[in-house]
Every structure is written in structure tokens, then in C-alpha cells.
């Protein structure tokens, strides 16, 4: 029971953080809840071509495209590119940091 509650809390907390980041970027928060569509919105936020969504279904290409999206997404929140490493290894903690930090603001480049 405790393990399921911890997993649910972890998932809900991450969902709230992504919701807040979408709102900060000028998108509606509910868009973060729909699988695949939320990735499309991230591609839109990062100003990458829409066809990159197809590349995310191709092995090896998906890793490269995912990393580029991480870096570009982090840069949109006025963070250095190396912070993508933090997002890669500690995603929920870093997303919490940028979602709730008052110093970090979305900046359309």
C-alpha cells in the first residue's frame, strides 16, 4: 500500500510540475496530460519542426532528438544547456526546481 501511494504521489507531483511549465510557456496546462500530444506541444514550445515527432518513434534517433529537445526546452527557461544533464538524470527534481522557482522565467528566444 505504501509503495503504491509513494508512486502515485511521485507521478502526481511530476504532472503538476509539467502542467505549470506548460502554463509558463503560454500553453494550456491540460495539454501536458495527453500522451504524444504533450510531446508535440514541447516540440512547438522549442520551435522545432513538427515532423520531429515522427523521429521520436525511431530507435537511436529518438535519443538524439530527445536530448536536443531537453537542451532547447531548458534554454527556453533561460537556463544553461548543461542543465539538461540535471533534467536527464533527476527529471522530477529539476522540473520541480524550474516549475516552482521564482527566479526562472520562460523566455521566448
PDB file of N, CA and C in Angstrom:
ATOM      1  N   UNK A   1       0.824  -1.204   0.000  1.00  0.00           N
ATOM      2  CA  UNK A   1       0.000   0.000   0.000  1.00  0.00           C
ATOM      3  C   UNK A   1       0.861   1.257   0.000  1.00  0.00           C
ATOM      4  N   UNK A   2       1.870   1.300   0.857  1.00  0.00           N
ATOM      5  CA  UNK A   2       2.725   2.483   0.938  1.00  0.00           C
ATOM      6  C   UNK A   2       3.488   2.719  -0.361  1.00  0.00           C
ATOM      7  N   UNK A   3       3.935   1.646  -0.981  1.00  0.00           N
ATOM      8  CA  UNK A   3       4.695   1.772  -2.219  1.00  0.00           C
ATOM      9  C   UNK A   3       3.833   2.374  -3.334  1.00  0.00           C
ATOM     10  N   UNK A   4       2.587   1.922  -3.421  1.00  0.00           N
ATOM     11  CA  UNK A   4       1.686   2.477  -4.438  1.00  0.00           C
ATOM     12  C   UNK A   4       1.377   3.947  -4.167  1.00  0.00           C
ATOM     13  N   UNK A   5       1.232   4.302  -2.918  1.00  0.00           N
ATOM     14  CA  UNK A   5       0.957   5.686  -2.547  1.00  0.00           C
ATOM     15  C   UNK A   5       2.149   6.579  -2.886  1.00  0.00           C
ATOM     16  N   UNK A   6       3.337   6.086  -2.651  1.00  0.00           N
ATOM     17  CA  UNK A   6       4.550   6.837  -2.989  1.00  0.00           C
ATOM     18  C   UNK A   6       4.646   7.026  -4.501  1.00  0.00           C
ATOM     19  N   UNK A   7       4.400   5.980  -5.263  1.00  0.00           N
ATOM     20  CA  UNK A   7       4.441   6.082  -6.731  1.00  0.00           C
ATOM     21  C   UNK A   7       3.389   7.056  -7.250  1.00  0.00           C
ATOM     22  N   UNK A   8       2.197   6.987  -6.718  1.00  0.00           N
ATOM     23  CA  UNK A   8       1.129   7.887  -7.129  1.00  0.00           C
ATOM     24  C   UNK A   8       1.490   9.342  -6.803  1.00  0.00           C
ATOM     25  N   UNK A   9       2.023   9.568  -5.609  1.00  0.00           N
ATOM     26  CA  UNK A   9       2.435  10.916  -5.214  1.00  0.00           C
ATOM     27  C   UNK A   9       3.528  11.446  -6.133  1.00  0.00           C
ATOM     28  N   UNK A  10       4.481  10.602  -6.443  1.00  0.00           N
ATOM     29  CA  UNK A  10       5.591  10.955  -7.334  1.00  0.00           C
ATOM     30  C   UNK A  10       5.055  11.328  -8.711  1.00  0.00           C
ATOM     31  N   UNK A  11       4.133  10.537  -9.233  1.00  0.00           N
ATOM     32  CA  UNK A  11       3.536  10.791 -10.543  1.00  0.00           C
ATOM     33  C   UNK A  11       2.723  12.090 -10.535  1.00  0.00           C
ATOM     34  N   UNK A  12       1.895  12.282  -9.526  1.00  0.00           N
ATOM     35  CA  UNK A  12       1.066  13.484  -9.440  1.00  0.00           C
ATOM     36  C   UNK A  12       1.912  14.746  -9.299  1.00  0.00           C
ATOM     37  N   UNK A  13       2.956  14.645  -8.513  1.00  0.00           N
ATOM     38  CA  UNK A  13       3.845  15.792  -8.332  1.00  0.00           C
ATOM     39  C   UNK A  13       4.512  16.168  -9.650  1.00  0.00           C
ATOM     40  N   UNK A  14       5.004  15.190 -10.392  1.00  0.00           N
ATOM     41  CA  UNK A  14       5.613  15.446 -11.697  1.00  0.00           C
ATOM     42  C   UNK A  14       4.614  16.031 -12.680  1.00  0.00           C
ATOM     43  N   UNK A  15       3.399  15.540 -12.635  1.00  0.00           N
ATOM     44  CA  UNK A  15       2.336  16.034 -13.512  1.00  0.00           C
ATOM     45  C   UNK A  15       2.027  17.496 -13.221  1.00  0.00           C
ATOM     46  N   UNK A  16       1.963  17.859 -11.971  1.00  0.00           N
ATOM     47  CA  UNK A  16       1.709  19.249 -11.586  1.00  0.00           C
ATOM     48  C   UNK A  16       2.838  20.151 -12.070  1.00  0.00           C
ATOM     49  N   UNK A  17       4.068  19.689 -11.932  1.00  0.00           N
ATOM     50  CA  UNK A  17       5.217  20.491 -12.366  1.00  0.00           C
ATOM     51  C   UNK A  17       5.195  20.730 -13.870  1.00  0.00           C
ATOM     52  N   UNK A  18       4.948  19.688 -14.652  1.00  0.00           N
ATOM     53  CA  UNK A  18       4.892  19.835 -16.106  1.00  0.00           C
ATOM     54  C   UNK A  18       3.728  20.748 -16.492  1.00  0.00           C
ATOM     55  N   UNK A  19       2.596  20.586 -15.821  1.00  0.00           N
ATOM     56  CA  UNK A  19       1.430  21.447 -16.050  1.00  0.00           C
ATOM     57  C   UNK A  19       1.837  22.915 -15.873  1.00  0.00           C
ATOM     58  N   UNK A  20       2.547  23.223 -14.782  1.00  0.00           N
ATOM     59  CA  UNK A  20       2.969  24.592 -14.507  1.00  0.00           C
ATOM     60  C   UNK A  20       3.945  25.111 -15.556  1.00  0.00           C
ATOM     61  N   UNK A  21       4.831  24.249 -16.037  1.00  0.00           N
ATOM     62  CA  UNK A  21       5.771  24.665 -17.082  1.00  0.00           C
ATOM     63  C   UNK A  21       5.054  24.971 -18.389  1.00  0.00           C
ATOM     64  N   UNK A  22       4.051  24.184 -18.716  1.00  0.00           N
ATOM     65  CA  UNK A  22       3.265  24.453 -19.920  1.00  0.00           C
ATOM     66  C   UNK A  22       2.575  25.813 -19.795  1.00  0.00           C
ATOM     67  N   UNK A  23       1.998  26.098 -18.639  1.00  0.00           N
ATOM     68  CA  UNK A  23       1.335  27.384 -18.420  1.00  0.00           C
ATOM     69  C   UNK A  23       2.351  28.519 -18.538  1.00  0.00           C
ATOM     70  N   UNK A  24       3.520  28.332 -17.953  1.00  0.00           N
ATOM     71  CA  UNK A  24       4.578  29.345 -18.023  1.00  0.00           C
ATOM     72  C   UNK A  24       4.985  29.621 -19.470  1.00  0.00           C
ATOM     73  N   UNK A  25       4.948  28.582 -20.300  1.00  0.00           N
ATOM     74  CA  UNK A  25       5.338  28.714 -21.711  1.00  0.00           C
ATOM     75  C   UNK A  25       4.191  29.221 -22.580  1.00  0.00           C
ATOM     76  N   UNK A  26       3.043  29.511 -21.987  1.00  0.00           N
ATOM     77  CA  UNK A  26       1.931  30.065 -22.734  1.00  0.00           C
ATOM     78  C   UNK A  26       0.970  29.039 -23.309  1.00  0.00           C
ATOM     79  N   UNK A  27       1.092  27.796 -22.878  1.00  0.00           N
ATOM     80  CA  UNK A  27       0.179  26.732 -23.324  1.00  0.00           C
ATOM     81  C   UNK A  27      -0.801  26.418 -22.199  1.00  0.00           C
ATOM     82  N   UNK A  28      -1.875  25.783 -22.540  1.00  0.00           N
ATOM     83  CA  UNK A  28      -2.839  25.363 -21.521  1.00  0.00           C
ATOM     84  C   UNK A  28      -2.278  24.137 -20.787  1.00  0.00           C
ATOM     85  N   UNK A  29      -2.426  24.116 -19.478  1.00  0.00           N
ATOM     86  CA  UNK A  29      -1.866  23.058 -18.654  1.00  0.00           C
ATOM     87  C   UNK A  29      -2.392  21.674 -18.974  1.00  0.00           C
ATOM     88  N   UNK A  30      -3.662  21.555 -19.360  1.00  0.00           N
ATOM     89  CA  UNK A  30      -4.255  20.245 -19.638  1.00  0.00           C
ATOM     90  C   UNK A  30      -3.551  19.550 -20.802  1.00  0.00           C
ATOM     91  N   UNK A  31      -2.882  20.317 -21.659  1.00  0.00           N
ATOM     92  CA  UNK A  31      -2.190  19.716 -22.804  1.00  0.00           C
ATOM     93  C   UNK A  31      -1.041  18.816 -22.359  1.00  0.00           C
ATOM     94  N   UNK A  32      -0.554  19.014 -21.151  1.00  0.00           N
ATOM     95  CA  UNK A  32       0.535  18.185 -20.643  1.00  0.00           C
ATOM     96  C   UNK A  32       0.063  16.789 -20.248  1.00  0.00           C
ATOM     97  N   UNK A  33      -1.241  16.585 -20.156  1.00  0.00           N
ATOM     98  CA  UNK A  33      -1.793  15.306 -19.697  1.00  0.00           C
ATOM     99  C   UNK A  33      -2.014  14.293 -20.815  1.00  0.00           C
ATOM    100  N   UNK A  34      -2.007  14.721 -22.066  1.00  0.00           N
ATOM    101  CA  UNK A  34      -2.350  13.831 -23.172  1.00  0.00           C
ATOM    102  C   UNK A  34      -1.073  13.269 -23.798  1.00  0.00           C
ATOM    103  N   UNK A  35      -0.866  11.953 -23.714  1.00  0.00           N
ATOM    104  CA  UNK A  35       0.337  11.347 -24.283  1.00  0.00           C
ATOM    105  C   UNK A  35       0.476  11.653 -25.775  1.00  0.00           C
ATOM    106  N   UNK A  36       1.675  11.799 -26.217  1.00  0.00           N
ATOM    107  CA  UNK A  36       2.097  12.126 -27.580  1.00  0.00           C
ATOM    108  C   UNK A  36       1.760  13.584 -27.910  1.00  0.00           C
ATOM    109  N   UNK A  37       0.530  14.025 -27.596  1.00  0.00           N
ATOM    110  CA  UNK A  37       0.190  15.426 -27.832  1.00  0.00           C
ATOM    111  C   UNK A  37       1.069  16.333 -26.971  1.00  0.00           C
ATOM    112  N   UNK A  38       1.387  15.911 -25.753  1.00  0.00           N
ATOM    113  CA  UNK A  38       2.234  16.734 -24.895  1.00  0.00           C
ATOM    114  C   UNK A  38       3.646  16.862 -25.484  1.00  0.00           C
ATOM    115  N   UNK A  39       4.120  15.828 -26.143  1.00  0.00           N
ATOM    116  CA  UNK A  39       5.422  15.900 -26.801  1.00  0.00           C
ATOM    117  C   UNK A  39       5.348  16.846 -27.997  1.00  0.00           C
ATOM    118  N   UNK A  40       4.234  16.785 -28.723  1.00  0.00           N
ATOM    119  CA  UNK A  40       4.026  17.715 -29.832  1.00  0.00           C
ATOM    120  C   UNK A  40       4.080  19.162 -29.322  1.00  0.00           C
ATOM    121  N   UNK A  41       3.468  19.418 -28.186  1.00  0.00           N
ATOM    122  CA  UNK A  41       3.469  20.771 -27.609  1.00  0.00           C
ATOM    123  C   UNK A  41       4.882  21.171 -27.194  1.00  0.00           C
ATOM    124  N   UNK A  42       5.645  20.243 -26.644  1.00  0.00           N
ATOM    125  CA  UNK A  42       7.037  20.544 -26.286  1.00  0.00           C
ATOM    126  C   UNK A  42       7.833  20.879 -27.545  1.00  0.00           C
ATOM    127  N   UNK A  43       7.594  20.140 -28.619  1.00  0.00           N
ATOM    128  CA  UNK A  43       8.262  20.441 -29.899  1.00  0.00           C
ATOM    129  C   UNK A  43       7.865  21.841 -30.364  1.00  0.00           C
ATOM    130  N   UNK A  44       6.614  22.189 -30.193  1.00  0.00           N
ATOM    131  CA  UNK A  44       6.127  23.519 -30.567  1.00  0.00           C
ATOM    132  C   UNK A  44       6.772  24.598 -29.686  1.00  0.00           C
ATOM    133  N   UNK A  45       6.868  24.343 -28.384  1.00  0.00           N
ATOM    134  CA  UNK A  45       7.482  25.296 -27.454  1.00  0.00           C
ATOM    135  C   UNK A  45       8.945  25.530 -27.814  1.00  0.00           C
ATOM    136  N   UNK A  46       9.626  24.471 -28.222  1.00  0.00           N
ATOM    137  CA  UNK A  46      11.056  24.578 -28.540  1.00  0.00           C
ATOM    138  C   UNK A  46      11.311  25.054 -29.969  1.00  0.00           C
ATOM    139  N   UNK A  47      10.257  25.354 -30.704  1.00  0.00           N
ATOM    140  CA  UNK A  47      10.369  25.859 -32.082  1.00  0.00           C
ATOM    141  C   UNK A  47      11.073  24.894 -33.028  1.00  0.00           C
ATOM    142  N   UNK A  48      10.875  23.626 -32.811  1.00  0.00           N
ATOM    143  CA  UNK A  48      11.435  22.605 -33.707  1.00  0.00           C
ATOM    144  C   UNK A  48      10.357  22.187 -34.704  1.00  0.00           C
ATOM    145  N   UNK A  49      10.763  21.583 -35.831  1.00  0.00           N
ATOM    146  CA  UNK A  49       9.772  21.164 -36.834  1.00  0.00           C
ATOM    147  C   UNK A  49       8.841  20.076 -36.299  1.00  0.00           C
ATOM    148  N   UNK A  50       7.601  20.130 -36.712  1.00  0.00           N
ATOM    149  CA  UNK A  50       6.585  19.179 -36.259  1.00  0.00           C
ATOM    150  C   UNK A  50       6.940  17.745 -36.611  1.00  0.00           C
ATOM    151  N   UNK A  51       7.619  17.531 -37.738  1.00  0.00           N
ATOM    152  CA  UNK A  51       7.949  16.166 -38.162  1.00  0.00           C
ATOM    153  C   UNK A  51       8.944  15.487 -37.227  1.00  0.00           C
ATOM    154  N   UNK A  52       9.546  16.235 -36.292  1.00  0.00           N
ATOM    155  CA  UNK A  52      10.431  15.618 -35.301  1.00  0.00           C
ATOM    156  C   UNK A  52       9.673  14.621 -34.436  1.00  0.00           C
ATOM    157  N   UNK A  53       8.377  14.800 -34.326  1.00  0.00           N
ATOM    158  CA  UNK A  53       7.568  13.855 -33.551  1.00  0.00           C
ATOM    159  C   UNK A  53       7.707  12.450 -34.116  1.00  0.00           C
ATOM    160  N   UNK A  54       7.757  12.322 -35.425  1.00  0.00           N
ATOM    161  CA  UNK A  54       7.927  11.013 -36.073  1.00  0.00           C
ATOM    162  C   UNK A  54       9.288  10.414 -35.722  1.00  0.00           C
ATOM    163  N   UNK A  55      10.319  11.264 -35.649  1.00  0.00           N
ATOM    164  CA  UNK A  55      11.664  10.780 -35.326  1.00  0.00           C
ATOM    165  C   UNK A  55      11.739  10.190 -33.920  1.00  0.00           C
ATOM    166  N   UNK A  56      10.841  10.612 -33.052  1.00  0.00           N
ATOM    167  CA  UNK A  56      10.846  10.090 -31.685  1.00  0.00           C
ATOM    168  C   UNK A  56      10.379   8.632 -31.608  1.00  0.00           C
ATOM    169  N   UNK A  57       9.850   8.106 -32.703  1.00  0.00           N
ATOM    170  CA  UNK A  57       9.442   6.703 -32.747  1.00  0.00           C
ATOM    171  C   UNK A  57      10.497   5.815 -33.397  1.00  0.00           C
ATOM    172  N   UNK A  58      11.623   6.398 -33.804  1.00  0.00           N
ATOM    173  CA  UNK A  58      12.694   5.648 -34.467  1.00  0.00           C
ATOM    174  C   UNK A  58      13.821   5.426 -33.468  1.00  0.00           C
ATOM    175  N   UNK A  59      14.186   4.151 -33.227  1.00  0.00           N
ATOM    176  CA  UNK A  59      15.272   3.870 -32.282  1.00  0.00           C
ATOM    177  C   UNK A  59      16.559   4.608 -32.659  1.00  0.00           C
ATOM    178  N   UNK A  60      17.295   5.006 -31.686  1.00  0.00           N
ATOM    179  CA  UNK A  60      18.538   5.771 -31.744  1.00  0.00           C
ATOM    180  C   UNK A  60      18.261   7.231 -32.103  1.00  0.00           C
ATOM    181  N   UNK A  61      17.483   7.485 -33.138  1.00  0.00           N
ATOM    182  CA  UNK A  61      17.127   8.863 -33.484  1.00  0.00           C
ATOM    183  C   UNK A  61      16.342   9.492 -32.336  1.00  0.00           C
ATOM    184  N   UNK A  62      15.503   8.690 -31.666  1.00  0.00           N
ATOM    185  CA  UNK A  62      14.692   9.227 -30.575  1.00  0.00           C
ATOM    186  C   UNK A  62      15.555   9.722 -29.414  1.00  0.00           C
ATOM    187  N   UNK A  63      16.683   9.072 -29.174  1.00  0.00           N
ATOM    188  CA  UNK A  63      17.575   9.503 -28.098  1.00  0.00           C
ATOM    189  C   UNK A  63      18.194  10.856 -28.449  1.00  0.00           C
ATOM    190  N   UNK A  64      18.655  10.983 -29.671  1.00  0.00           N
ATOM    191  CA  UNK A  64      19.287  12.225 -30.114  1.00  0.00           C
ATOM    192  C   UNK A  64      18.273  13.375 -30.120  1.00  0.00           C
ATOM    193  N   UNK A  65      17.111  13.138 -30.702  1.00  0.00           N
ATOM    194  CA  UNK A  65      16.074  14.166 -30.758  1.00  0.00           C
ATOM    195  C   UNK A  65      15.610  14.526 -29.342  1.00  0.00           C
ATOM    196  N   UNK A  66      15.458  13.522 -28.487  1.00  0.00           N
ATOM    197  CA  UNK A  66      15.056  13.773 -27.100  1.00  0.00           C
ATOM    198  C   UNK A  66      16.048  14.667 -26.370  1.00  0.00           C
ATOM    199  N   UNK A  67      17.338  14.406 -26.554  1.00  0.00           N
ATOM    200  CA  UNK A  67      18.358  15.237 -25.916  1.00  0.00           C
ATOM    201  C   UNK A  67      18.331  16.669 -26.445  1.00  0.00           C
ATOM    202  N   UNK A  68      18.151  16.806 -27.750  1.00  0.00           N
ATOM    203  CA  UNK A  68      18.059  18.151 -28.328  1.00  0.00           C
ATOM    204  C   UNK A  68      16.843  18.885 -27.761  1.00  0.00           C
ATOM    205  N   UNK A  69      15.732  18.169 -27.624  1.00  0.00           N
ATOM    206  CA  UNK A  69      14.532  18.791 -27.047  1.00  0.00           C
ATOM    207  C   UNK A  69      14.753  19.194 -25.593  1.00  0.00           C
ATOM    208  N   UNK A  70      15.440  18.323 -24.816  1.00  0.00           N
ATOM    209  CA  UNK A  70      15.767  18.656 -23.423  1.00  0.00           C
ATOM    210  C   UNK A  70      16.549  19.964 -23.356  1.00  0.00           C
ATOM    211  N   UNK A  71      17.626  20.039 -24.146  1.00  0.00           N
ATOM    212  CA  UNK A  71      18.502  21.206 -24.112  1.00  0.00           C
ATOM    213  C   UNK A  71      17.745  22.463 -24.534  1.00  0.00           C
ATOM    214  N   UNK A  72      16.985  22.370 -25.609  1.00  0.00           N
ATOM    215  CA  UNK A  72      16.241  23.526 -26.110  1.00  0.00           C
ATOM    216  C   UNK A  72      15.147  23.952 -25.125  1.00  0.00           C
ATOM    217  N   UNK A  73      14.481  22.971 -24.522  1.00  0.00           N
ATOM    218  CA  UNK A  73      13.439  23.275 -23.537  1.00  0.00           C
ATOM    219  C   UNK A  73      14.031  24.014 -22.340  1.00  0.00           C
ATOM    220  N   UNK A  74      15.179  23.553 -21.861  1.00  0.00           N
ATOM    221  CA  UNK A  74      15.850  24.185 -20.726  1.00  0.00           C
ATOM    222  C   UNK A  74      16.284  25.605 -21.088  1.00  0.00           C
ATOM    223  N   UNK A  75      16.780  25.781 -22.300  1.00  0.00           N
ATOM    224  CA  UNK A  75      17.193  27.118 -22.732  1.00  0.00           C
ATOM    225  C   UNK A  75      16.011  28.085 -22.786  1.00  0.00           C
ATOM    226  N   UNK A  76      14.824  27.576 -23.112  1.00  0.00           N
ATOM    227  CA  UNK A  76      13.626  28.422 -23.149  1.00  0.00           C
ATOM    228  C   UNK A  76      13.284  28.981 -21.769  1.00  0.00           C
ATOM    229  N   UNK A  77      13.754  28.304 -20.729  1.00  0.00           N
ATOM    230  CA  UNK A  77      13.534  28.781 -19.370  1.00  0.00           C
ATOM    231  C   UNK A  77      14.780  29.499 -18.841  1.00  0.00           C
ATOM    232  N   UNK A  78      15.577  29.995 -19.803  1.00  0.00           N
ATOM    233  CA  UNK A  78      16.744  30.820 -19.510  1.00  0.00           C
ATOM    234  C   UNK A  78      17.767  30.106 -18.618  1.00  0.00           C
ATOM    235  N   UNK A  79      17.931  28.814 -18.862  1.00  0.00           N
ATOM    236  CA  UNK A  79      18.899  28.014 -18.122  1.00  0.00           C
ATOM    237  C   UNK A  79      20.010  27.573 -19.072  1.00  0.00           C
ATOM    238  N   UNK A  80      21.227  27.392 -18.560  1.00  0.00           N
ATOM    239  CA  UNK A  80      22.310  26.943 -19.434  1.00  0.00           C
ATOM    240  C   UNK A  80      22.056  25.536 -19.968  1.00  0.00           C
ATOM    241  N   UNK A  81      22.622  25.241 -21.117  1.00  0.00           N
ATOM    242  CA  UNK A  81      22.393  23.957 -21.784  1.00  0.00           C
ATOM    243  C   UNK A  81      22.817  22.770 -20.919  1.00  0.00           C
ATOM    244  N   UNK A  82      23.859  22.927 -20.112  1.00  0.00           N
ATOM    245  CA  UNK A  82      24.321  21.794 -19.304  1.00  0.00           C
ATOM    246  C   UNK A  82      23.298  21.380 -18.252  1.00  0.00           C
ATOM    247  N   UNK A  83      22.321  22.219 -17.979  1.00  0.00           N
ATOM    248  CA  UNK A  83      21.260  21.853 -17.038  1.00  0.00           C
ATOM    249  C   UNK A  83      20.389  20.724 -17.575  1.00  0.00           C
ATOM    250  N   UNK A  84      20.485  20.478 -18.874  1.00  0.00           N
ATOM    251  CA  UNK A  84      19.753  19.341 -19.453  1.00  0.00           C
ATOM    252  C   UNK A  84      20.240  18.033 -18.837  1.00  0.00           C
ATOM    253  N   UNK A  85      21.488  17.995 -18.405  1.00  0.00           N
ATOM    254  CA  UNK A  85      22.020  16.801 -17.735  1.00  0.00           C
ATOM    255  C   UNK A  85      21.267  16.576 -16.428  1.00  0.00           C
ATOM    256  N   UNK A  86      21.009  17.655 -15.702  1.00  0.00           N
ATOM    257  CA  UNK A  86      20.234  17.530 -14.459  1.00  0.00           C
ATOM    258  C   UNK A  86      18.831  17.020 -14.754  1.00  0.00           C
ATOM    259  N   UNK A  87      18.240  17.535 -15.826  1.00  0.00           N
ATOM    260  CA  UNK A  87      16.892  17.110 -16.185  1.00  0.00           C
ATOM    261  C   UNK A  87      16.885  15.654 -16.641  1.00  0.00           C
ATOM    262  N   UNK A  88      17.969  15.225 -17.256  1.00  0.00           N
ATOM    263  CA  UNK A  88      18.060  13.847 -17.734  1.00  0.00           C
ATOM    264  C   UNK A  88      18.190  12.859 -16.575  1.00  0.00           C
ATOM    265  N   UNK A  89      19.024  13.178 -15.592  1.00  0.00           N
ATOM    266  CA  UNK A  89      19.286  12.242 -14.504  1.00  0.00           C
ATOM    267  C   UNK A  89      18.376  12.431 -13.285  1.00  0.00           C
ATOM    268  N   UNK A  90      17.869  13.626 -13.100  1.00  0.00           N
ATOM    269  CA  UNK A  90      16.982  13.914 -11.961  1.00  0.00           C
ATOM    270  C   UNK A  90      15.745  14.661 -12.453  1.00  0.00           C
ATOM    271  N   UNK A  91      14.975  14.050 -13.349  1.00  0.00           N
ATOM    272  CA  UNK A  91      13.911  14.802 -14.021  1.00  0.00           C
ATOM    273  C   UNK A  91      12.878  15.428 -13.092  1.00  0.00           C
ATOM    274  N   UNK A  92      12.349  14.697 -12.151  1.00  0.00           N
ATOM    275  CA  UNK A  92      11.297  15.260 -11.303  1.00  0.00           C
ATOM    276  C   UNK A  92      11.844  16.341 -10.365  1.00  0.00           C
ATOM    277  N   UNK A  93      13.058  16.165  -9.895  1.00  0.00           N
ATOM    278  CA  UNK A  93      13.628  17.173  -9.008  1.00  0.00           C
ATOM    279  C   UNK A  93      13.937  18.455  -9.771  1.00  0.00           C
ATOM    280  N   UNK A  94      14.490  18.311 -10.967  1.00  0.00           N
ATOM    281  CA  UNK A  94      14.832  19.503 -11.746  1.00  0.00           C
ATOM    282  C   UNK A  94      13.580  20.189 -12.272  1.00  0.00           C
ATOM    283  N   UNK A  95      12.602  19.421 -12.713  1.00  0.00           N
ATOM    284  CA  UNK A  95      11.343  20.008 -13.172  1.00  0.00           C
ATOM    285  C   UNK A  95      10.676  20.751 -12.021  1.00  0.00           C
ATOM    286  N   UNK A  96      10.736  20.190 -10.823  1.00  0.00           N
ATOM    287  CA  UNK A  96      10.221  20.887  -9.644  1.00  0.00           C
ATOM    288  C   UNK A  96      10.945  22.221  -9.470  1.00  0.00           C
ATOM    289  N   UNK A  97      12.256  22.191  -9.612  1.00  0.00           N
ATOM    290  CA  UNK A  97      13.072  23.394  -9.432  1.00  0.00           C
ATOM    291  C   UNK A  97      12.653  24.487 -10.417  1.00  0.00           C
ATOM    292  N   UNK A  98      12.539  24.151 -11.703  1.00  0.00           N
ATOM    293  CA  UNK A  98      12.190  25.205 -12.664  1.00  0.00           C
ATOM    294  C   UNK A  98      10.707  25.566 -12.615  1.00  0.00           C
ATOM    295  N   UNK A  99       9.861  24.649 -12.174  1.00  0.00           N
ATOM    296  CA  UNK A  99       8.427  24.949 -12.095  1.00  0.00           C
ATOM    297  C   UNK A  99       8.094  25.881 -10.930  1.00  0.00           C
ATOM    298  N   UNK A 100       8.799  25.731  -9.829  1.00  0.00           N
ATOM    299  CA  UNK A 100       8.456  26.495  -8.631  1.00  0.00           C
ATOM    300  C   UNK A 100       9.439  27.604  -8.284  1.00  0.00           C
ATOM    301  N   UNK A 101      10.527  27.731  -9.024  1.00  0.00           N
ATOM    302  CA  UNK A 101      11.490  28.791  -8.750  1.00  0.00           C
ATOM    303  C   UNK A 101      10.974  30.117  -9.294  1.00  0.00           C
ATOM    304  N   UNK A 102      11.001  31.130  -8.476  1.00  0.00           N
ATOM    305  CA  UNK A 102      10.549  32.451  -8.916  1.00  0.00           C
ATOM    306  C   UNK A 102      11.595  33.139  -9.778  1.00  0.00           C
ATOM    307  N   UNK A 103      12.844  32.692  -9.695  1.00  0.00           N
ATOM    308  CA  UNK A 103      13.923  33.290 -10.483  1.00  0.00           C
ATOM    309  C   UNK A 103      13.906  32.830 -11.931  1.00  0.00           C
ATOM    310  N   UNK A 104      13.332  31.674 -12.185  1.00  0.00           N
ATOM    311  CA  UNK A 104      13.350  31.098 -13.527  1.00  0.00           C
ATOM    312  C   UNK A 104      12.056  31.456 -14.237  1.00  0.00           C
ATOM    313  N   UNK A 105      12.195  32.096 -15.384  1.00  0.00           N
ATOM    314  CA  UNK A 105      11.047  32.558 -16.151  1.00  0.00           C
ATOM    315  C   UNK A 105      11.203  32.127 -17.599  1.00  0.00           C
ATOM    316  N   UNK A 106      10.103  31.751 -18.196  1.00  0.00           N
ATOM    317  CA  UNK A 106      10.102  31.367 -19.608  1.00  0.00           C
ATOM    318  C   UNK A 106      10.466  32.569 -20.457  1.00  0.00           C
ATOM    319  N   UNK A 107      11.347  32.342 -21.408  1.00  0.00           N
ATOM    320  CA  UNK A 107      11.804  33.422 -22.275  1.00  0.00           C
ATOM    321  C   UNK A 107      11.795  32.914 -23.696  1.00  0.00           C
ATOM    322  N   UNK A 108      10.882  33.417 -24.515  1.00  0.00           N
ATOM    323  CA  UNK A 108      10.827  33.004 -25.907  1.00  0.00           C
ATOM    324  C   UNK A 108      11.993  33.644 -26.627  1.00  0.00           C
ATOM    325  N   UNK A 109      12.920  32.799 -27.060  1.00  0.00           N
ATOM    326  CA  UNK A 109      14.171  33.303 -27.656  1.00  0.00           C
ATOM    327  C   UNK A 109      13.959  33.904 -29.006  1.00  0.00           C
TER     328      UNK A 109
END
